[in-house]
Amino acid sequence: MERIVGDRIVLVGTAHVSELSVKEVREAIDRHRPDVVAVELDPARYRVLTGQTRWRELPITRLISGNNTYFFIAQAMLSAIQRALGLEQGVEPGAEMVAAIEAAAERELPVALVDRDIGVTLRRAWGRMGVGEKLRLTWNLLEAITGVYEEELDEVDVEELLKEDTLSALMDELGRIAPSIKTVLIDERDAFIAKKLLQASRDGKVLAVVGAGHLRGIAERLERGGAFPAYDELNALPVKRVRWGAVLGWSVPLLFLAWTFFMMLTAQYGALGQGFLMWFLVTGLGAAIGAAAALAHPLSVLTAFGVAWFTTLSPTLAAGWFAGLVEAKIRKPTMADLEHIESTSVRGFLSNKVVRVLMVTALANVGCTIGVVYALPHLLGAA
């Protein structure tokens, strides 16, 4: 479907994941002869679709570090939708965007990337969600990674999702899970894209390929005119509020420090040494048992045991992170492993490299926490 705004912007809404969408995009570019081709992509997704980033070969350790976490989350859920939609239709989701990029290259036309960074979108959405919505989203992410999410899409949402491109489908699914974030996922992106298109139209006629679900919102925002929100406002990350998890995380090292000073002031050096030894053994054994329960490599188990005592005294560290990192270095999981997770049996589930790393990380942290819950009251009681 198409919608023309003014005399310089043509919006082409991709109706479904199929060869028809690819054909419609190419025909629209031939017919309208634009000066600029715009696509509903951000730079990161553009690199993935055009092969500049070998997504499936990227190690998980690189993706879950730094500011890549939200992109990892988005790609995991996009992969689930891809399995439910693209594979059934015989076309890779995003094929119509690739077709637009290739058609622009054939005509030596510039390509404008007009969507907001998906990491910014998800971080702003996360900041708006309530506790219940965050729990639902976390659960759906786990389902996406394990393949259960794919089954739910097959049963419930496929017919509706076929009306839009894959990223739009993801945003709609997130909006369904957490209704309070519709403004971030839909309205803000419509305004962002409309503003980008308006700027691109200064260089001539623009043909924009967007998800059908956003066609109306973008067009209405362009037709309404007036002042657009500043990019700084649309890209601003949420201000962190008081997090009770962080408060509890700091309480452990503070209580341990207070206990240490008290034992030193009262010259109970023998009890102090015994307390340190107990803390080392109990937290270490808890973390090691948790890692072993996830069938971790022996080096990962030893790592969990060795680092647990000091990670429990820092709210910014976790024993499971270290154990998971060692496990990832040994098993070398990549994003391709996310696409081949067997959820029909425990053995098949745990045999996946990504699942193994995640389970080692999670269970080592759980075991370490149990060790803290056991050891801390004994230390304080002994004082």
Protein backbone atom coordinates (compact mmCIF):
# COMPACT_ATOMS: atom_id res chain seq x y z
CA MET A 1 0.00 0.00 0.00
CA GLU A 2 1.13 3.53 -0.68
CA ARG A 3 0.42 6.98 0.71
CA ILE A 4 1.71 10.22 -0.81
CA VAL A 5 2.36 13.16 1.51
CA GLY A 6 2.80 16.49 -0.26
CA ASP A 7 4.83 16.42 -3.45
CA ARG A 8 8.09 15.07 -2.04
CA ILE A 9 7.34 12.06 0.21
CA VAL A 10 5.95 8.68 -0.85
CA LEU A 11 5.29 6.10 1.86
CA VAL A 12 5.25 2.42 0.89
CA GLY A 13 3.83 0.16 3.59
CA THR A 14 5.03 -3.45 3.48
CA ALA A 15 1.90 -5.52 3.88
CA HIS A 16 3.38 -8.93 4.69
CA VAL A 17 6.49 -11.08 4.67
CA SER A 18 6.43 -12.46 1.15
CA GLU A 19 7.80 -12.09 -2.34
CA LEU A 20 4.89 -9.72 -3.04
CA SER A 21 6.33 -7.12 -0.69
CA VAL A 22 9.69 -7.27 -2.47
CA LYS A 23 7.97 -6.87 -5.83
CA GLU A 24 5.85 -3.95 -4.61
CA VAL A 25 8.91 -2.09 -3.31
CA ARG A 26 10.83 -2.45 -6.58
CA GLU A 27 7.81 -1.43 -8.65
CA ALA A 28 7.22 1.64 -6.47
CA ILE A 29 10.82 2.80 -6.92
CA ASP A 30 10.55 2.29 -10.70
CA ARG A 31 7.27 4.18 -10.84
CA HIS A 32 8.03 7.15 -8.60
CA ARG A 33 11.73 7.61 -9.50
CA PRO A 34 12.75 9.13 -6.14
CA ASP A 35 15.90 11.08 -5.41
CA VAL A 36 16.31 9.36 -2.01
CA VAL A 37 15.24 5.90 -0.80
CA ALA A 38 14.47 5.73 2.91
CA VAL A 39 14.11 2.51 4.91
CA GLU A 40 12.73 1.84 8.37
CA LEU A 41 16.09 0.71 9.72
CA ASP A 42 18.62 1.92 12.25
CA PRO A 43 22.37 1.58 11.50
CA ALA A 44 22.78 -1.65 13.51
CA ARG A 45 19.95 -3.48 11.73
CA TYR A 46 21.14 -2.08 8.38
CA ARG A 47 24.56 -3.67 8.91
CA VAL A 48 22.92 -7.00 9.77
CA LEU A 49 20.62 -7.03 6.76
CA THR A 50 23.32 -6.00 4.31
CA GLY A 51 25.81 -8.56 5.60
CA GLN A 52 28.27 -6.04 7.02
CA THR A 53 27.78 -7.71 10.39
CA ARG A 54 27.94 -11.51 10.31
CA TRP A 55 25.24 -11.71 12.94
CA ARG A 56 25.02 -15.48 13.27
CA GLU A 57 28.78 -15.77 13.74
CA LEU A 58 29.03 -13.13 16.48
CA PRO A 59 29.98 -14.57 19.89
CA ILE A 60 27.42 -14.12 22.64
CA THR A 61 30.08 -12.62 24.92
CA ARG A 62 30.49 -9.69 22.55
CA LEU A 63 26.78 -9.06 22.30
CA ILE A 64 25.87 -9.10 25.98
CA SER A 65 28.61 -6.65 26.95
CA GLY A 66 28.30 -2.90 27.27
CA ASN A 67 25.50 -1.21 25.33
CA ASN A 68 24.83 -4.25 23.13
CA THR A 69 22.52 -5.96 25.64
CA TYR A 70 19.31 -4.39 24.35
CA PHE A 71 20.27 -5.12 20.75
CA PHE A 72 20.85 -8.74 21.79
CA ILE A 73 17.36 -8.85 23.36
CA ALA A 74 15.76 -7.38 20.26
CA GLN A 75 17.57 -9.75 17.92
CA ALA A 76 16.61 -12.77 20.01
CA MET A 77 12.93 -11.87 19.75
CA LEU A 78 13.27 -10.93 16.08
CA SER A 79 14.77 -14.37 15.46
CA ALA A 80 11.74 -15.98 17.09
CA ILE A 81 9.37 -13.98 14.89
CA GLN A 82 11.52 -14.83 11.88
CA ARG A 83 11.11 -18.54 12.55
CA ALA A 84 7.35 -18.12 12.89
CA LEU A 85 6.91 -15.90 9.83
CA GLY A 86 9.83 -15.87 7.42
CA LEU A 87 10.49 -19.57 7.26
CA GLU A 88 6.82 -20.32 6.62
CA GLN A 89 6.66 -17.76 3.83
CA GLY A 90 9.97 -18.75 2.27
CA VAL A 91 11.33 -15.20 2.54
CA GLU A 92 13.74 -13.74 5.05
CA PRO A 93 12.04 -10.97 7.08
CA GLY A 94 13.51 -7.65 6.02
CA ALA A 95 13.74 -8.80 2.40
CA GLU A 96 11.70 -5.82 1.24
CA MET A 97 14.15 -3.48 2.99
CA VAL A 98 17.07 -5.24 1.28
CA ALA A 99 15.22 -4.93 -2.04
CA ALA A 100 14.85 -1.17 -1.51
CA ILE A 101 18.57 -0.84 -0.65
CA GLU A 102 19.59 -2.88 -3.70
CA ALA A 103 17.27 -0.91 -6.00
CA ALA A 104 18.75 2.33 -4.69
CA ALA A 105 22.28 1.04 -5.33
CA GLU A 106 21.36 0.07 -8.91
CA ARG A 107 20.17 3.63 -9.52
CA GLU A 108 23.02 5.19 -7.52
CA LEU A 109 20.56 6.78 -5.09
CA PRO A 110 21.36 7.63 -1.46
CA VAL A 111 19.75 5.50 1.24
CA ALA A 112 18.41 7.20 4.37
CA LEU A 113 18.15 5.18 7.59
CA VAL A 114 15.18 6.75 9.32
CA ASP A 115 14.38 4.56 12.33
CA ARG A 116 15.55 5.21 15.86
CA ASP A 117 18.26 2.98 17.32
CA ILE A 118 16.50 -0.13 18.56
CA GLY A 119 18.60 -0.16 21.74
CA VAL A 120 17.44 3.36 22.63
CA THR A 121 13.83 2.38 21.95
CA LEU A 122 14.02 -0.67 24.22
CA ARG A 123 15.82 1.19 27.00
CA ARG A 124 13.21 3.96 26.96
CA ALA A 125 10.47 1.32 26.93
CA TRP A 126 12.06 -0.54 29.86
CA GLY A 127 12.12 2.68 31.87
CA ARG A 128 8.36 3.14 31.43
CA MET A 129 7.32 -0.39 32.30
CA GLY A 130 5.95 -1.43 35.66
CA VAL A 131 7.18 -4.45 37.57
CA GLY A 132 4.45 -6.71 36.21
CA GLU A 133 5.18 -5.71 32.63
CA LYS A 134 8.91 -6.27 33.10
CA LEU A 135 8.24 -9.76 34.45
CA ARG A 136 6.02 -10.56 31.45
CA LEU A 137 8.64 -9.25 29.04
CA THR A 138 11.40 -11.26 30.73
CA TRP A 139 9.27 -14.39 30.51
CA ASN A 140 8.55 -13.76 26.83
CA LEU A 141 12.25 -13.25 26.17
CA LEU A 142 12.98 -16.64 27.71
CA GLU A 143 10.24 -18.14 25.56
CA ALA A 144 11.73 -16.48 22.49
CA ILE A 145 15.17 -17.90 23.22
CA THR A 146 13.89 -21.42 23.93
CA GLY A 147 11.48 -21.59 21.01
CA VAL A 148 8.25 -21.65 23.03
CA TYR A 149 7.55 -18.09 21.87
CA GLU A 150 7.65 -19.33 18.29
CA GLU A 151 4.95 -21.89 19.06
CA GLU A 152 2.74 -19.20 20.61
CA LEU A 153 3.12 -17.02 17.52
CA ASP A 154 2.12 -19.93 15.33
CA GLU A 155 -1.03 -20.49 17.38
CA VAL A 156 -2.14 -16.92 18.05
CA ASP A 157 -0.55 -14.07 16.17
CA VAL A 158 0.80 -15.19 12.80
CA GLU A 159 -2.10 -13.99 10.66
CA GLU A 160 -1.99 -10.53 12.21
CA LEU A 161 1.79 -10.28 12.15
CA LEU A 162 1.89 -11.16 8.46
CA LYS A 163 0.43 -7.71 7.79
CA GLU A 164 3.59 -5.95 8.91
CA ASP A 165 7.36 -6.10 8.58
CA THR A 166 9.27 -8.02 11.23
CA LEU A 167 10.43 -5.09 13.36
CA SER A 168 6.93 -3.63 13.41
CA ALA A 169 5.67 -7.07 14.45
CA LEU A 170 8.18 -7.13 17.30
CA MET A 171 7.13 -3.68 18.48
CA ASP A 172 3.45 -4.65 18.39
CA GLU A 173 4.17 -7.80 20.37
CA LEU A 174 6.05 -5.78 22.98
CA GLY A 175 3.12 -3.35 23.10
CA ARG A 176 0.80 -6.27 23.73
CA ILE A 177 2.98 -7.55 26.56
CA ALA A 178 3.38 -4.10 28.12
CA PRO A 179 0.59 -1.67 27.05
CA SER A 180 2.11 1.27 28.93
CA ILE A 181 5.00 1.49 26.46
CA LYS A 182 2.91 2.06 23.32
CA THR A 183 3.99 5.72 23.25
CA VAL A 184 7.67 4.70 23.08
CA LEU A 185 7.26 1.85 20.61
CA ILE A 186 4.75 3.41 18.24
CA ASP A 187 4.13 7.14 18.69
CA GLU A 188 7.72 8.21 19.36
CA ARG A 189 9.06 6.16 16.46
CA ASP A 190 6.40 7.57 14.14
CA ALA A 191 7.51 11.09 15.09
CA PHE A 192 11.20 10.16 14.75
CA ILE A 193 10.72 8.63 11.30
CA ALA A 194 8.50 11.47 10.11
CA LYS A 195 11.11 14.03 11.16
CA LYS A 196 13.88 12.09 9.39
CA LEU A 197 11.78 11.88 6.22
CA LEU A 198 11.02 15.59 6.31
CA GLN A 199 14.74 16.34 6.55
CA ALA A 200 15.59 13.87 3.77
CA SER A 201 12.98 15.50 1.49
CA ARG A 202 15.12 18.64 1.37
CA ASP A 203 17.37 16.73 -1.03
CA GLY A 204 14.49 15.83 -3.34
CA LYS A 205 11.71 13.30 -3.63
CA VAL A 206 11.83 10.59 -0.98
CA LEU A 207 10.35 7.11 -1.20
CA ALA A 208 10.19 5.48 2.22
CA VAL A 209 9.68 1.77 2.88
CA VAL A 210 8.01 1.35 6.28
CA GLY A 211 5.94 -1.23 8.12
CA ALA A 212 2.25 -1.08 7.25
CA GLY A 213 1.38 -0.72 10.91
CA HIS A 214 3.24 2.61 11.03
CA LEU A 215 2.13 3.98 7.68
CA ARG A 216 -0.88 5.90 9.00
CA GLY A 217 0.88 7.33 12.05
CA ILE A 218 3.86 8.59 10.05
CA ALA A 219 1.64 10.10 7.36
CA GLU A 220 -0.61 11.87 9.85
CA ARG A 221 2.41 13.28 11.70
CA LEU A 222 3.80 14.66 8.44
CA GLU A 223 0.45 16.08 7.34
CA ARG A 224 -0.20 17.69 10.71
CA GLY A 225 3.09 19.57 10.49
CA GLY A 226 4.12 21.88 13.31
CA ALA A 227 7.10 21.48 15.57
CA PHE A 228 8.66 18.02 15.95
CA PRO A 229 10.24 16.80 19.19
CA ALA A 230 14.00 17.39 19.36
CA TYR A 231 16.23 14.37 18.71
CA ASP A 232 17.78 14.87 22.15
CA GLU A 233 14.32 14.41 23.64
CA LEU A 234 13.48 11.34 21.55
CA ASN A 235 16.87 9.72 22.24
CA ALA A 236 17.13 10.62 25.92
CA LEU A 237 17.65 7.59 28.15
CA PRO A 238 15.49 7.25 31.27
CA VAL A 239 16.83 8.61 34.53
CA LYS A 240 17.54 5.77 36.94
CA ARG A 241 15.27 5.70 39.96
CA VAL A 242 15.95 4.19 43.35
CA ARG A 243 16.32 0.45 42.80
CA TRP A 244 15.56 -1.70 45.79
CA GLY A 245 17.63 -4.49 44.32
CA ALA A 246 20.67 -2.21 44.42
CA VAL A 247 19.83 -1.18 47.98
CA LEU A 248 19.75 -4.84 49.04
CA GLY A 249 22.94 -5.46 47.06
CA TRP A 250 24.79 -2.77 48.99
CA SER A 251 23.44 -3.97 52.36
CA VAL A 252 25.49 -7.20 52.22
CA PRO A 253 28.96 -5.60 51.86
CA LEU A 254 28.05 -2.87 54.37
CA LEU A 255 26.94 -5.42 56.96
CA PHE A 256 30.03 -7.53 56.27
CA LEU A 257 32.26 -4.46 56.64
CA ALA A 258 30.54 -3.50 59.89
CA TRP A 259 31.05 -7.04 61.20
CA THR A 260 34.74 -6.94 60.23
CA PHE A 261 35.36 -3.63 62.03
CA PHE A 262 33.50 -4.83 65.11
CA MET A 263 35.56 -8.02 65.30
CA MET A 264 38.79 -6.02 64.90
CA LEU A 265 37.79 -3.44 67.53
CA THR A 266 36.95 -6.18 70.00
CA ALA A 267 40.18 -8.05 69.15
CA GLN A 268 38.31 -11.23 68.15
CA TYR A 269 40.92 -12.08 65.52
CA GLY A 270 40.43 -15.83 65.71
CA ALA A 271 36.70 -15.52 65.16
CA LEU A 272 37.40 -13.03 62.38
CA GLY A 273 39.58 -15.56 60.53
CA GLN A 274 37.04 -18.31 61.03
CA GLY A 275 34.29 -16.02 59.74
CA PHE A 276 36.26 -15.17 56.62
CA LEU A 277 36.94 -18.86 56.00
CA MET A 278 33.26 -19.76 56.43
CA TRP A 279 32.24 -16.95 54.06
CA PHE A 280 34.73 -18.14 51.45
CA LEU A 281 33.63 -21.78 51.68
CA VAL A 282 29.88 -21.32 51.97
CA THR A 283 29.47 -18.78 49.17
CA GLY A 284 32.00 -20.62 47.00
CA LEU A 285 30.35 -24.00 47.47
CA GLY A 286 26.92 -22.50 46.80
CA ALA A 287 28.09 -20.95 43.52
CA ALA A 288 30.02 -24.09 42.50
CA ILE A 289 27.07 -26.39 43.19
CA GLY A 290 24.81 -24.10 41.17
CA ALA A 291 27.21 -24.12 38.23
CA ALA A 292 27.65 -27.89 38.46
CA ALA A 293 23.86 -28.32 38.45
CA ALA A 294 23.87 -26.62 35.03
CA LEU A 295 26.46 -29.17 33.83
CA ALA A 296 29.16 -26.51 33.62
CA HIS A 297 32.72 -27.24 32.53
CA PRO A 298 35.01 -27.99 35.53
CA LEU A 299 36.89 -24.73 34.94
CA SER A 300 33.61 -22.81 35.16
CA VAL A 301 32.78 -24.59 38.42
CA LEU A 302 36.21 -23.75 39.85
CA THR A 303 35.80 -20.15 38.74
CA ALA A 304 32.43 -19.88 40.47
CA PHE A 305 33.94 -21.29 43.65
CA GLY A 306 36.97 -19.00 43.60
CA VAL A 307 35.25 -15.68 42.89
CA ALA A 308 32.07 -16.04 44.92
CA TRP A 309 33.45 -14.65 48.19
CA PHE A 310 34.42 -11.26 46.74
CA THR A 311 31.58 -10.91 44.22
CA THR A 312 29.13 -11.17 47.11
CA LEU A 313 30.83 -8.14 48.65
CA SER A 314 30.28 -6.00 45.53
CA PRO A 315 26.81 -5.08 44.24
CA THR A 316 28.26 -4.59 40.75
CA LEU A 317 29.67 -8.12 40.41
CA ALA A 318 28.21 -11.62 40.37
CA ALA A 319 29.85 -15.03 40.53
CA GLY A 320 27.62 -16.29 37.74
CA TRP A 321 28.96 -13.65 35.37
CA PHE A 322 32.50 -14.94 35.78
CA ALA A 323 31.45 -18.58 35.54
CA GLY A 324 29.29 -17.81 32.50
CA LEU A 325 32.14 -15.95 30.83
CA VAL A 326 34.50 -18.91 31.30
CA GLU A 327 31.79 -21.26 30.01
CA ALA A 328 31.28 -19.02 26.96
CA LYS A 329 35.02 -18.90 26.26
CA ILE A 330 35.17 -22.69 26.34
CA ARG A 331 32.00 -23.46 24.38
CA LYS A 332 32.12 -20.40 22.08
CA PRO A 333 28.36 -19.98 21.52
CA THR A 334 27.20 -17.69 18.72
CA MET A 335 23.88 -16.14 17.72
CA ALA A 336 23.37 -19.01 15.27
CA ASP A 337 22.93 -21.32 18.28
CA LEU A 338 19.81 -19.34 19.25
CA GLU A 339 18.12 -20.65 16.14
CA HIS A 340 18.61 -24.32 17.02
CA ILE A 341 17.32 -24.78 20.56
CA GLU A 342 15.46 -27.99 21.29
CA SER A 343 12.79 -27.38 23.91
CA THR A 344 11.19 -30.83 23.77
CA SER A 345 13.63 -32.53 26.15
CA VAL A 346 15.86 -31.48 29.05
CA ARG A 347 18.90 -33.14 27.45
CA GLY A 348 18.36 -31.38 24.14
CA PHE A 349 17.66 -28.09 25.88
CA LEU A 350 20.85 -28.17 27.93
CA SER A 351 22.96 -29.36 25.00
CA ASN A 352 22.58 -25.95 23.34
CA LYS A 353 25.64 -23.76 23.92
CA VAL A 354 23.69 -20.55 24.56
CA VAL A 355 21.33 -22.25 26.99
CA ARG A 356 24.26 -23.86 28.81
CA VAL A 357 25.98 -20.49 29.30
CA LEU A 358 22.77 -18.82 30.49
CA MET A 359 22.00 -21.68 32.89
CA VAL A 360 25.53 -21.70 34.31
CA THR A 361 25.31 -17.96 34.90
CA ALA A 362 21.88 -18.09 36.49
CA LEU A 363 22.34 -21.14 38.72
CA ALA A 364 25.79 -20.03 39.93
CA ASN A 365 24.21 -16.76 41.04
CA VAL A 366 21.34 -18.58 42.73
CA GLY A 367 23.73 -20.88 44.60
CA CYS A 368 25.89 -17.93 45.64
CA THR A 369 22.84 -16.07 46.95
CA ILE A 370 21.80 -19.10 48.99
CA GLY A 371 25.31 -19.16 50.45
CA VAL A 372 25.01 -15.49 51.48
CA VAL A 373 21.59 -16.08 53.06
CA TYR A 374 23.12 -18.90 55.12
CA ALA A 375 26.44 -17.28 56.03
CA LEU A 376 25.49 -13.68 56.83
CA PRO A 377 23.16 -14.43 59.79
CA HIS A 378 25.80 -16.75 61.26
CA LEU A 379 28.45 -14.03 61.06
CA LEU A 380 26.23 -11.38 62.59
CA GLY A 381 25.00 -13.79 65.24
CA ALA A 382 28.56 -14.69 66.21
CA ALA A 383 29.37 -11.00 66.72
